[in-house]
Amino acid sequence: MSDGGTTWQQARERQIAAMRQTCEILGHILRNVSAEQARALRDGPDGWSIVEIVCHLRDFDEIFHSRARMMLEQDHPQLPAYDHEAIALERAYQAQSLEEAYEALKVSRADFARFFERLTPTQWARGGVHPERDNFSMTDALMQVSAHDLDHLEQITRVLRGG
């Protein structure tokens, strides 16, 4: 890819930087959120609390990373589907610590960003079959992280704003 200046490598580097930045932005958003607010403020009457959203981001960071590793290790694998609602209940997100969930996300995110930074051109060409998106490239996997983050950053800021 080149649009007269931007290569695939440069675009991927920007996406990796965005992965790191969205995690940092989340930290700024959460800085003044108390444990009580994190549990009490919800995205609507049946929506997730802030702590549940951060736990979801933490766990799906690992899920996304696991899928990307599958694409490296297997030939065009069928990537597993996950029920995010069931995971939230099974892992009791609402009872978890906001601070611990965010700290774990930061560690996971740093590892995941390094994973992408170390890929060779041959590894970037690997892919799989996403349960919701069909053919799924390593670049798609990278882009999915920031898009997922942005959805939930918007959700948390909306919850904090009161609707």
C-alpha atoms as a PDB file:
ATOM      1  CA  MET A   1       0.000   0.000   0.000  1.00  0.00           C
ATOM      2  CA  SER A   2       1.230   3.451  -0.820  1.00  0.00           C
ATOM      3  CA  ASP A   3      -0.809   6.590  -1.283  1.00  0.00           C
ATOM      4  CA  GLY A   4       2.096   8.626  -2.520  1.00  0.00           C
ATOM      5  CA  GLY A   5       3.853   8.536   0.825  1.00  0.00           C
ATOM      6  CA  THR A   6       2.326   6.150   3.354  1.00  0.00           C
ATOM      7  CA  THR A   7       3.388   2.521   3.201  1.00  0.00           C
ATOM      8  CA  TRP A   8       1.772  -0.468   4.915  1.00  0.00           C
ATOM      9  CA  GLN A   9       4.676  -0.419   7.374  1.00  0.00           C
ATOM     10  CA  GLN A  10       4.057   3.224   8.273  1.00  0.00           C
ATOM     11  CA  ALA A  11       0.314   2.676   8.597  1.00  0.00           C
ATOM     12  CA  ARG A  12       0.898  -0.291  10.892  1.00  0.00           C
ATOM     13  CA  GLU A  13       3.375   1.702  12.991  1.00  0.00           C
ATOM     14  CA  ARG A  14       0.717   4.388  13.430  1.00  0.00           C
ATOM     15  CA  GLN A  15      -1.841   1.777  14.470  1.00  0.00           C
ATOM     16  CA  ILE A  16       0.572   0.304  17.023  1.00  0.00           C
ATOM     17  CA  ALA A  17       1.115   3.800  18.424  1.00  0.00           C
ATOM     18  CA  ALA A  18      -2.674   4.213  18.580  1.00  0.00           C
ATOM     19  CA  MET A  19      -2.918   0.942  20.547  1.00  0.00           C
ATOM     20  CA  ARG A  20      -0.614   2.394  23.154  1.00  0.00           C
ATOM     21  CA  GLN A  21      -2.256   5.803  23.108  1.00  0.00           C
ATOM     22  CA  THR A  22      -5.812   4.557  23.596  1.00  0.00           C
ATOM     23  CA  CYS A  23      -4.639   2.641  26.674  1.00  0.00           C
ATOM     24  CA  GLU A  24      -2.990   5.812  28.022  1.00  0.00           C
ATOM     25  CA  ILE A  25      -6.120   7.855  27.293  1.00  0.00           C
ATOM     26  CA  LEU A  26      -8.140   5.330  29.264  1.00  0.00           C
ATOM     27  CA  GLY A  27      -5.826   5.931  32.223  1.00  0.00           C
ATOM     28  CA  HIS A  28      -6.459   9.673  32.008  1.00  0.00           C
ATOM     29  CA  ILE A  29     -10.211   9.101  31.882  1.00  0.00           C
ATOM     30  CA  LEU A  30     -10.115   6.771  34.885  1.00  0.00           C
ATOM     31  CA  ARG A  31      -7.779   8.917  36.983  1.00  0.00           C
ATOM     32  CA  ASN A  32     -10.536  10.511  39.099  1.00  0.00           C
ATOM     33  CA  VAL A  33     -13.064   7.665  38.990  1.00  0.00           C
ATOM     34  CA  SER A  34     -13.624   6.202  42.452  1.00  0.00           C
ATOM     35  CA  ALA A  35     -14.220   2.500  43.074  1.00  0.00           C
ATOM     36  CA  GLU A  36     -17.803   3.381  44.005  1.00  0.00           C
ATOM     37  CA  GLN A  37     -18.379   5.290  40.765  1.00  0.00           C
ATOM     38  CA  ALA A  38     -16.760   2.491  38.770  1.00  0.00           C
ATOM     39  CA  ARG A  39     -19.376   0.063  40.091  1.00  0.00           C
ATOM     40  CA  ALA A  40     -22.413   2.352  40.322  1.00  0.00           C
ATOM     41  CA  LEU A  41     -22.299   4.292  37.040  1.00  0.00           C
ATOM     42  CA  ARG A  42     -23.725   2.224  34.187  1.00  0.00           C
ATOM     43  CA  ASP A  43     -24.373   2.463  30.482  1.00  0.00           C
ATOM     44  CA  GLY A  44     -28.147   2.480  30.922  1.00  0.00           C
ATOM     45  CA  PRO A  45     -30.229   0.459  33.364  1.00  0.00           C
ATOM     46  CA  ASP A  46     -29.058  -2.903  31.998  1.00  0.00           C
ATOM     47  CA  GLY A  47     -25.681  -1.730  30.704  1.00  0.00           C
ATOM     48  CA  TRP A  48     -22.207  -2.383  31.959  1.00  0.00           C
ATOM     49  CA  SER A  49     -20.540  -0.433  34.740  1.00  0.00           C
ATOM     50  CA  ILE A  50     -17.186   1.241  34.220  1.00  0.00           C
ATOM     51  CA  VAL A  51     -15.347  -1.558  36.034  1.00  0.00           C
ATOM     52  CA  GLU A  52     -17.081  -4.124  33.824  1.00  0.00           C
ATOM     53  CA  ILE A  53     -16.043  -2.222  30.695  1.00  0.00           C
ATOM     54  CA  VAL A  54     -12.395  -2.045  31.810  1.00  0.00           C
ATOM     55  CA  CYS A  55     -12.393  -5.763  32.685  1.00  0.00           C
ATOM     56  CA  HIS A  56     -13.841  -6.454  29.236  1.00  0.00           C
ATOM     57  CA  LEU A  57     -11.067  -4.393  27.602  1.00  0.00           C
ATOM     58  CA  ARG A  58      -8.442  -6.269  29.629  1.00  0.00           C
ATOM     59  CA  ASP A  59      -9.809  -9.699  28.756  1.00  0.00           C
ATOM     60  CA  PHE A  60     -10.431  -8.951  25.099  1.00  0.00           C
ATOM     61  CA  ASP A  61      -6.908  -7.593  24.774  1.00  0.00           C
ATOM     62  CA  GLU A  62      -5.735 -11.113  25.636  1.00  0.00           C
ATOM     63  CA  ILE A  63      -8.393 -12.708  23.403  1.00  0.00           C
ATOM     64  CA  PHE A  64      -7.358 -10.540  20.439  1.00  0.00           C
ATOM     65  CA  HIS A  65      -3.694 -11.353  21.139  1.00  0.00           C
ATOM     66  CA  SER A  66      -4.505 -15.066  21.326  1.00  0.00           C
ATOM     67  CA  ARG A  67      -6.251 -14.927  17.955  1.00  0.00           C
ATOM     68  CA  ALA A  68      -3.255 -13.135  16.408  1.00  0.00           C
ATOM     69  CA  ARG A  69      -0.893 -15.784  17.795  1.00  0.00           C
ATOM     70  CA  MET A  70      -3.161 -18.484  16.311  1.00  0.00           C
ATOM     71  CA  MET A  71      -2.811 -16.835  12.918  1.00  0.00           C
ATOM     72  CA  LEU A  72       0.980 -17.058  13.232  1.00  0.00           C
ATOM     73  CA  GLU A  73       1.018 -20.652  14.440  1.00  0.00           C
ATOM     74  CA  GLN A  74      -1.692 -22.208  12.258  1.00  0.00           C
ATOM     75  CA  ASP A  75      -2.524 -22.108   8.582  1.00  0.00           C
ATOM     76  CA  HIS A  76      -5.543 -19.792   8.166  1.00  0.00           C
ATOM     77  CA  PRO A  77      -7.255 -20.910  11.405  1.00  0.00           C
ATOM     78  CA  GLN A  78     -10.914 -20.584  12.273  1.00  0.00           C
ATOM     79  CA  LEU A  79     -10.686 -18.041  15.078  1.00  0.00           C
ATOM     80  CA  PRO A  80     -12.838 -18.788  18.125  1.00  0.00           C
ATOM     81  CA  ALA A  81     -15.918 -16.780  19.023  1.00  0.00           C
ATOM     82  CA  TYR A  82     -16.401 -15.491  22.553  1.00  0.00           C
ATOM     83  CA  ASP A  83     -19.534 -14.497  24.436  1.00  0.00           C
ATOM     84  CA  HIS A  84     -18.536 -11.263  26.170  1.00  0.00           C
ATOM     85  CA  GLU A  85     -21.663 -11.245  28.358  1.00  0.00           C
ATOM     86  CA  ALA A  86     -20.986 -14.790  29.599  1.00  0.00           C
ATOM     87  CA  ILE A  87     -17.340 -13.943  30.289  1.00  0.00           C
ATOM     88  CA  ALA A  88     -18.380 -10.895  32.323  1.00  0.00           C
ATOM     89  CA  LEU A  89     -20.616 -13.063  34.496  1.00  0.00           C
ATOM     90  CA  GLU A  90     -18.208 -15.997  34.789  1.00  0.00           C
ATOM     91  CA  ARG A  91     -15.349 -13.743  35.828  1.00  0.00           C
ATOM     92  CA  ALA A  92     -17.504 -11.558  38.097  1.00  0.00           C
ATOM     93  CA  TYR A  93     -16.348  -8.303  36.528  1.00  0.00           C
ATOM     94  CA  GLN A  94     -18.521  -6.189  38.813  1.00  0.00           C
ATOM     95  CA  ALA A  95     -16.645  -7.469  41.893  1.00  0.00           C
ATOM     96  CA  GLN A  96     -13.175  -6.771  40.484  1.00  0.00           C
ATOM     97  CA  SER A  97     -10.896  -3.840  41.222  1.00  0.00           C
ATOM     98  CA  LEU A  98     -10.896  -1.066  38.622  1.00  0.00           C
ATOM     99  CA  GLU A  99      -7.265  -0.241  39.384  1.00  0.00           C
ATOM    100  CA  GLU A 100      -6.115  -3.864  39.100  1.00  0.00           C
ATOM    101  CA  ALA A 101      -8.058  -4.391  35.863  1.00  0.00           C
ATOM    102  CA  TYR A 102      -6.510  -1.284  34.318  1.00  0.00           C
ATOM    103  CA  GLU A 103      -2.995  -2.220  35.490  1.00  0.00           C
ATOM    104  CA  ALA A 104      -3.408  -5.693  33.939  1.00  0.00           C
ATOM    105  CA  LEU A 105      -4.631  -4.103  30.704  1.00  0.00           C
ATOM    106  CA  LYS A 106      -1.523  -1.892  30.567  1.00  0.00           C
ATOM    107  CA  VAL A 107       0.751  -4.915  30.932  1.00  0.00           C
ATOM    108  CA  SER A 108      -1.195  -6.880  28.330  1.00  0.00           C
ATOM    109  CA  ARG A 109      -1.238  -3.952  25.931  1.00  0.00           C
ATOM    110  CA  ALA A 110       2.518  -3.391  26.124  1.00  0.00           C
ATOM    111  CA  ASP A 111       3.068  -7.084  25.350  1.00  0.00           C
ATOM    112  CA  PHE A 112       0.546  -7.036  22.494  1.00  0.00           C
ATOM    113  CA  ALA A 113       2.096  -3.912  20.938  1.00  0.00           C
ATOM    114  CA  ARG A 114       5.545  -5.574  21.064  1.00  0.00           C
ATOM    115  CA  PHE A 115       4.022  -8.624  19.356  1.00  0.00           C
ATOM    116  CA  PHE A 116       2.950  -6.478  16.393  1.00  0.00           C
ATOM    117  CA  GLU A 117       6.223  -4.530  16.313  1.00  0.00           C
ATOM    118  CA  ARG A 118       8.207  -7.756  15.902  1.00  0.00           C
ATOM    119  CA  LEU A 119       6.230  -9.203  12.982  1.00  0.00           C
ATOM    120  CA  THR A 120       8.124  -9.802   9.756  1.00  0.00           C
ATOM    121  CA  PRO A 121       6.590  -9.048   6.342  1.00  0.00           C
ATOM    122  CA  THR A 122       5.843 -12.770   5.958  1.00  0.00           C
ATOM    123  CA  GLN A 123       4.085 -12.835   9.319  1.00  0.00           C
ATOM    124  CA  TRP A 124       2.026  -9.757   8.437  1.00  0.00           C
ATOM    125  CA  ALA A 125       0.712 -11.763   5.465  1.00  0.00           C
ATOM    126  CA  ARG A 126      -0.795 -14.413   7.767  1.00  0.00           C
ATOM    127  CA  GLY A 127      -4.526 -14.522   8.361  1.00  0.00           C
ATOM    128  CA  GLY A 128      -7.460 -16.469   9.671  1.00  0.00           C
ATOM    129  CA  VAL A 129     -11.236 -16.667   9.592  1.00  0.00           C
ATOM    130  CA  HIS A 130     -12.887 -14.355  12.102  1.00  0.00           C
ATOM    131  CA  PRO A 131     -16.189 -15.625  13.580  1.00  0.00           C
ATOM    132  CA  GLU A 132     -17.986 -12.379  12.659  1.00  0.00           C
ATOM    133  CA  ARG A 133     -15.900 -10.953   9.813  1.00  0.00           C
ATOM    134  CA  ASP A 134     -14.874 -13.948   7.667  1.00  0.00           C
ATOM    135  CA  ASN A 135     -11.331 -13.574   6.244  1.00  0.00           C
ATOM    136  CA  PHE A 136      -9.250 -11.642   8.729  1.00  0.00           C
ATOM    137  CA  SER A 137      -5.696 -10.413   8.176  1.00  0.00           C
ATOM    138  CA  MET A 138      -3.008  -9.617  10.705  1.00  0.00           C
ATOM    139  CA  THR A 139      -3.523  -5.954   9.783  1.00  0.00           C
ATOM    140  CA  ASP A 140      -7.239  -6.392  10.546  1.00  0.00           C
ATOM    141  CA  ALA A 141      -6.242  -7.816  13.941  1.00  0.00           C
ATOM    142  CA  LEU A 142      -4.131  -4.733  14.626  1.00  0.00           C
ATOM    143  CA  MET A 143      -6.828  -2.305  13.534  1.00  0.00           C
ATOM    144  CA  GLN A 144      -9.479  -4.123  15.567  1.00  0.00           C
ATOM    145  CA  VAL A 145      -7.691  -3.250  18.816  1.00  0.00           C
ATOM    146  CA  SER A 146      -7.889   0.527  18.440  1.00  0.00           C
ATOM    147  CA  ALA A 147     -11.415   0.430  17.042  1.00  0.00           C
ATOM    148  CA  HIS A 148     -12.532  -1.703  20.000  1.00  0.00           C
ATOM    149  CA  ASP A 149     -10.778   0.664  22.413  1.00  0.00           C
ATOM    150  CA  LEU A 150     -12.427   3.722  20.879  1.00  0.00           C
ATOM    151  CA  ASP A 151     -15.894   2.183  21.174  1.00  0.00           C
ATOM    152  CA  HIS A 152     -15.359   1.596  24.871  1.00  0.00           C
ATOM    153  CA  LEU A 153     -13.574   4.895  25.561  1.00  0.00           C
ATOM    154  CA  GLU A 154     -16.636   6.628  24.130  1.00  0.00           C
ATOM    155  CA  GLN A 155     -18.875   4.409  26.253  1.00  0.00           C
ATOM    156  CA  ILE A 156     -17.008   5.215  29.478  1.00  0.00           C
ATOM    157  CA  THR A 157     -16.973   8.967  28.810  1.00  0.00           C
ATOM    158  CA  ARG A 158     -20.705   8.848  28.046  1.00  0.00           C
ATOM    159  CA  VAL A 159     -21.334   6.957  31.308  1.00  0.00           C
ATOM    160  CA  LEU A 160     -19.285   9.517  33.242  1.00  0.00           C
ATOM    161  CA  ARG A 161     -21.187  12.347  31.543  1.00  0.00           C
ATOM    162  CA  GLY A 162     -24.432  10.797  32.728  1.00  0.00           C
ATOM    163  CA  GLY A 163     -25.882   9.465  29.530  1.00  0.00           C
END
